[in-house]
């Protein structure tokens, strides 16, 4: 299967059909030497995502900002308040009490871009589903994996 087509199908399966239309045209794909599978995807020397062994994608804040052009992708996102913004930018977890809005497609263990004023500041893994986040005031909502301050420039 064509690696770009496989990547597009994975993006559509995880974030909603049609989201892959916003994938940049000039992408560079690196493969694993041992298994031959897709490892990393770059655009203009910026890491977009890495493919996980389980078939999931670990996206970067840079790639999440590109995908924000899609309305369906926004349903996988979470917006936080001003009070928690500096902590989340430093890579700390997002707590339920600081969630202002969360999309309906957030499920447990799914990739979640964290927004502040419609700009991606971090990406993490959901600990709770969107319904549970709305219903709770305490507890961790998202464990941040990658934030803007931790982003290295280029490869």
C-alpha atoms as a PDB file:
ATOM      1  CA  UNK A   1       0.000   0.000   0.000  1.00  0.00           C
ATOM      2  CA  UNK A   2       1.193   3.510  -0.801  1.00  0.00           C
ATOM      3  CA  UNK A   3       2.596   5.055   2.433  1.00  0.00           C
ATOM      4  CA  UNK A   4       0.871   8.417   1.861  1.00  0.00           C
ATOM      5  CA  UNK A   5      -2.467   6.682   1.300  1.00  0.00           C
ATOM      6  CA  UNK A   6      -1.928   4.600   4.464  1.00  0.00           C
ATOM      7  CA  UNK A   7      -1.162   7.773   6.434  1.00  0.00           C
ATOM      8  CA  UNK A   8      -4.312   9.466   5.079  1.00  0.00           C
ATOM      9  CA  UNK A   9      -6.473   6.466   6.015  1.00  0.00           C
ATOM     10  CA  UNK A  10      -4.991   6.437   9.530  1.00  0.00           C
ATOM     11  CA  UNK A  11      -5.649  10.169  10.003  1.00  0.00           C
ATOM     12  CA  UNK A  12      -9.234   9.778   8.788  1.00  0.00           C
ATOM     13  CA  UNK A  13      -9.835   6.761  11.041  1.00  0.00           C
ATOM     14  CA  UNK A  14      -8.504   8.506  14.160  1.00  0.00           C
ATOM     15  CA  UNK A  15      -9.788  12.061  13.706  1.00  0.00           C
ATOM     16  CA  UNK A  16     -12.776  11.807  11.351  1.00  0.00           C
ATOM     17  CA  UNK A  17     -13.256  11.329   7.627  1.00  0.00           C
ATOM     18  CA  UNK A  18     -11.991  14.169   5.466  1.00  0.00           C
ATOM     19  CA  UNK A  19      -9.416  15.451   7.976  1.00  0.00           C
ATOM     20  CA  UNK A  20      -6.566  14.016   5.865  1.00  0.00           C
ATOM     21  CA  UNK A  21      -7.309  16.591   3.129  1.00  0.00           C
ATOM     22  CA  UNK A  22      -5.345  19.073   5.230  1.00  0.00           C
ATOM     23  CA  UNK A  23      -2.183  16.922   5.165  1.00  0.00           C
ATOM     24  CA  UNK A  24       0.590  19.030   3.541  1.00  0.00           C
ATOM     25  CA  UNK A  25       1.604  18.036   0.008  1.00  0.00           C
ATOM     26  CA  UNK A  26       5.404  18.039   0.471  1.00  0.00           C
ATOM     27  CA  UNK A  27       5.934  15.495   3.216  1.00  0.00           C
ATOM     28  CA  UNK A  28       8.972  13.358   3.887  1.00  0.00           C
ATOM     29  CA  UNK A  29       8.398   9.857   5.228  1.00  0.00           C
ATOM     30  CA  UNK A  30      11.052   7.864   7.112  1.00  0.00           C
ATOM     31  CA  UNK A  31      10.750   4.103   7.425  1.00  0.00           C
ATOM     32  CA  UNK A  32      12.044   1.683  10.044  1.00  0.00           C
ATOM     33  CA  UNK A  33      15.153  -0.122   8.805  1.00  0.00           C
ATOM     34  CA  UNK A  34      14.222  -3.297  10.636  1.00  0.00           C
ATOM     35  CA  UNK A  35      10.495  -3.627   9.868  1.00  0.00           C
ATOM     36  CA  UNK A  36      10.048  -1.375   6.826  1.00  0.00           C
ATOM     37  CA  UNK A  37       7.051   0.365   8.432  1.00  0.00           C
ATOM     38  CA  UNK A  38       6.453   4.110   8.499  1.00  0.00           C
ATOM     39  CA  UNK A  39       8.259   5.627  11.501  1.00  0.00           C
ATOM     40  CA  UNK A  40       8.166   9.422  11.167  1.00  0.00           C
ATOM     41  CA  UNK A  41       6.585  11.995   8.879  1.00  0.00           C
ATOM     42  CA  UNK A  42       8.160  15.433   8.327  1.00  0.00           C
ATOM     43  CA  UNK A  43       7.117  18.635   6.553  1.00  0.00           C
ATOM     44  CA  UNK A  44       9.777  21.322   5.944  1.00  0.00           C
ATOM     45  CA  UNK A  45      12.078  19.719   8.558  1.00  0.00           C
ATOM     46  CA  UNK A  46       9.281  19.830  11.168  1.00  0.00           C
ATOM     47  CA  UNK A  47       8.081  16.550  12.655  1.00  0.00           C
ATOM     48  CA  UNK A  48       4.386  16.024  11.930  1.00  0.00           C
ATOM     49  CA  UNK A  49       3.807  12.656  13.553  1.00  0.00           C
ATOM     50  CA  UNK A  50       5.197   9.261  14.420  1.00  0.00           C
ATOM     51  CA  UNK A  51       3.264   6.055  13.881  1.00  0.00           C
ATOM     52  CA  UNK A  52       2.824   3.852  16.913  1.00  0.00           C
ATOM     53  CA  UNK A  53       3.116   0.082  16.898  1.00  0.00           C
ATOM     54  CA  UNK A  54      -0.584  -0.233  17.781  1.00  0.00           C
ATOM     55  CA  UNK A  55      -1.559   1.687  14.629  1.00  0.00           C
ATOM     56  CA  UNK A  56      -2.134   5.022  16.326  1.00  0.00           C
ATOM     57  CA  UNK A  57      -0.499   8.353  15.583  1.00  0.00           C
ATOM     58  CA  UNK A  58       1.521  10.494  17.954  1.00  0.00           C
ATOM     59  CA  UNK A  59       0.966  13.954  16.485  1.00  0.00           C
ATOM     60  CA  UNK A  60       2.921  17.114  17.288  1.00  0.00           C
ATOM     61  CA  UNK A  61       1.443  20.524  18.151  1.00  0.00           C
ATOM     62  CA  UNK A  62       2.713  21.747  14.753  1.00  0.00           C
ATOM     63  CA  UNK A  63       0.687  19.081  12.916  1.00  0.00           C
ATOM     64  CA  UNK A  64      -2.342  19.605  15.143  1.00  0.00           C
ATOM     65  CA  UNK A  65      -2.319  23.321  14.223  1.00  0.00           C
ATOM     66  CA  UNK A  66      -2.300  22.356  10.513  1.00  0.00           C
ATOM     67  CA  UNK A  67      -5.228  19.959  11.030  1.00  0.00           C
ATOM     68  CA  UNK A  68      -7.184  22.653  12.918  1.00  0.00           C
ATOM     69  CA  UNK A  69      -8.371  23.893   9.498  1.00  0.00           C
ATOM     70  CA  UNK A  70     -10.784  20.953   9.549  1.00  0.00           C
ATOM     71  CA  UNK A  71     -14.030  21.350  11.493  1.00  0.00           C
ATOM     72  CA  UNK A  72     -14.179  17.610  12.206  1.00  0.00           C
ATOM     73  CA  UNK A  73     -10.706  17.698  13.775  1.00  0.00           C
ATOM     74  CA  UNK A  74     -11.870  20.331  16.296  1.00  0.00           C
ATOM     75  CA  UNK A  75     -14.177  17.708  17.814  1.00  0.00           C
ATOM     76  CA  UNK A  76     -11.029  15.867  19.002  1.00  0.00           C
ATOM     77  CA  UNK A  77      -9.692  18.957  20.808  1.00  0.00           C
ATOM     78  CA  UNK A  78      -9.984  20.453  24.277  1.00  0.00           C
ATOM     79  CA  UNK A  79      -9.856  24.114  25.314  1.00  0.00           C
ATOM     80  CA  UNK A  80      -8.398  25.258  28.645  1.00  0.00           C
ATOM     81  CA  UNK A  81      -8.641  28.424  30.739  1.00  0.00           C
ATOM     82  CA  UNK A  82      -6.007  31.144  31.119  1.00  0.00           C
ATOM     83  CA  UNK A  83      -5.059  30.049  34.634  1.00  0.00           C
ATOM     84  CA  UNK A  84      -3.658  26.666  33.538  1.00  0.00           C
ATOM     85  CA  UNK A  85      -2.076  27.795  30.241  1.00  0.00           C
ATOM     86  CA  UNK A  86       1.508  28.320  31.533  1.00  0.00           C
ATOM     87  CA  UNK A  87       1.529  24.926  33.258  1.00  0.00           C
ATOM     88  CA  UNK A  88       0.253  23.067  30.204  1.00  0.00           C
ATOM     89  CA  UNK A  89       2.826  24.825  28.009  1.00  0.00           C
ATOM     90  CA  UNK A  90       5.506  23.489  30.356  1.00  0.00           C
ATOM     91  CA  UNK A  91       4.225  19.935  29.812  1.00  0.00           C
ATOM     92  CA  UNK A  92       2.067  19.494  32.918  1.00  0.00           C
ATOM     93  CA  UNK A  93      -1.233  17.597  32.819  1.00  0.00           C
ATOM     94  CA  UNK A  94      -4.619  19.219  32.173  1.00  0.00           C
ATOM     95  CA  UNK A  95      -7.118  18.936  35.031  1.00  0.00           C
ATOM     96  CA  UNK A  96     -10.903  18.706  34.597  1.00  0.00           C
ATOM     97  CA  UNK A  97     -11.514  21.919  36.517  1.00  0.00           C
ATOM     98  CA  UNK A  98      -9.584  23.921  33.912  1.00  0.00           C
ATOM     99  CA  UNK A  99     -11.383  22.538  30.866  1.00  0.00           C
ATOM    100  CA  UNK A 100     -13.498  25.258  29.238  1.00  0.00           C
ATOM    101  CA  UNK A 101     -14.716  23.189  26.269  1.00  0.00           C
ATOM    102  CA  UNK A 102     -14.067  19.672  24.954  1.00  0.00           C
ATOM    103  CA  UNK A 103     -15.015  18.044  21.665  1.00  0.00           C
ATOM    104  CA  UNK A 104     -17.449  15.145  21.541  1.00  0.00           C
ATOM    105  CA  UNK A 105     -14.973  12.735  19.841  1.00  0.00           C
ATOM    106  CA  UNK A 106     -12.571  12.585  22.802  1.00  0.00           C
ATOM    107  CA  UNK A 107     -12.355   9.048  24.105  1.00  0.00           C
ATOM    108  CA  UNK A 108     -10.143   7.444  26.745  1.00  0.00           C
ATOM    109  CA  UNK A 109      -6.544   6.982  25.488  1.00  0.00           C
ATOM    110  CA  UNK A 110      -7.142   9.071  22.334  1.00  0.00           C
ATOM    111  CA  UNK A 111      -4.812  11.811  21.051  1.00  0.00           C
ATOM    112  CA  UNK A 112      -6.033  15.207  22.247  1.00  0.00           C
ATOM    113  CA  UNK A 113      -4.719  18.590  21.083  1.00  0.00           C
ATOM    114  CA  UNK A 114      -4.987  21.142  23.912  1.00  0.00           C
ATOM    115  CA  UNK A 115      -6.122  24.596  22.771  1.00  0.00           C
ATOM    116  CA  UNK A 116      -5.970  28.056  24.257  1.00  0.00           C
ATOM    117  CA  UNK A 117      -7.872  30.740  22.301  1.00  0.00           C
ATOM    118  CA  UNK A 118      -8.119  28.373  19.292  1.00  0.00           C
ATOM    119  CA  UNK A 119      -4.337  27.832  19.148  1.00  0.00           C
ATOM    120  CA  UNK A 120      -2.707  24.470  19.874  1.00  0.00           C
ATOM    121  CA  UNK A 121      -0.368  24.716  22.866  1.00  0.00           C
ATOM    122  CA  UNK A 122       0.093  20.996  23.630  1.00  0.00           C
ATOM    123  CA  UNK A 123      -0.853  17.463  22.621  1.00  0.00           C
ATOM    124  CA  UNK A 124      -1.528  14.594  24.985  1.00  0.00           C
ATOM    125  CA  UNK A 125      -3.432  11.437  25.750  1.00  0.00           C
ATOM    126  CA  UNK A 126      -6.938  11.581  27.205  1.00  0.00           C
ATOM    127  CA  UNK A 127      -7.363  10.005  30.638  1.00  0.00           C
ATOM    128  CA  UNK A 128     -11.151  10.559  30.556  1.00  0.00           C
ATOM    129  CA  UNK A 129     -13.772  10.759  27.794  1.00  0.00           C
ATOM    130  CA  UNK A 130     -15.384  14.085  26.893  1.00  0.00           C
ATOM    131  CA  UNK A 131     -18.565  13.210  28.829  1.00  0.00           C
ATOM    132  CA  UNK A 132     -16.561  12.425  31.962  1.00  0.00           C
ATOM    133  CA  UNK A 133     -14.518  15.641  31.648  1.00  0.00           C
ATOM    134  CA  UNK A 134     -17.691  17.727  31.498  1.00  0.00           C
ATOM    135  CA  UNK A 135     -19.135  15.952  34.534  1.00  0.00           C
ATOM    136  CA  UNK A 136     -16.117  16.226  36.838  1.00  0.00           C
ATOM    137  CA  UNK A 137     -14.431  19.157  38.525  1.00  0.00           C
ATOM    138  CA  UNK A 138     -11.368  17.344  39.896  1.00  0.00           C
ATOM    139  CA  UNK A 139      -8.883  14.885  38.436  1.00  0.00           C
ATOM    140  CA  UNK A 140      -6.591  14.659  35.405  1.00  0.00           C
ATOM    141  CA  UNK A 141      -8.304  15.025  32.026  1.00  0.00           C
ATOM    142  CA  UNK A 142      -5.277  14.846  29.678  1.00  0.00           C
ATOM    143  CA  UNK A 143      -1.682  13.757  30.241  1.00  0.00           C
ATOM    144  CA  UNK A 144       0.390  16.116  28.096  1.00  0.00           C
ATOM    145  CA  UNK A 145       3.008  14.371  25.969  1.00  0.00           C
ATOM    146  CA  UNK A 146       4.280  17.235  23.828  1.00  0.00           C
ATOM    147  CA  UNK A 147       3.996  20.997  24.305  1.00  0.00           C
ATOM    148  CA  UNK A 148       5.134  24.061  22.366  1.00  0.00           C
ATOM    149  CA  UNK A 149       8.069  24.750  24.691  1.00  0.00           C
ATOM    150  CA  UNK A 150       9.413  21.216  24.232  1.00  0.00           C
ATOM    151  CA  UNK A 151       9.354  21.419  20.420  1.00  0.00           C
ATOM    152  CA  UNK A 152      12.827  21.137  18.851  1.00  0.00           C
ATOM    153  CA  UNK A 153      13.327  22.925  15.536  1.00  0.00           C
ATOM    154  CA  UNK A 154      13.914  20.526  12.622  1.00  0.00           C
ATOM    155  CA  UNK A 155      15.395  17.061  12.663  1.00  0.00           C
END
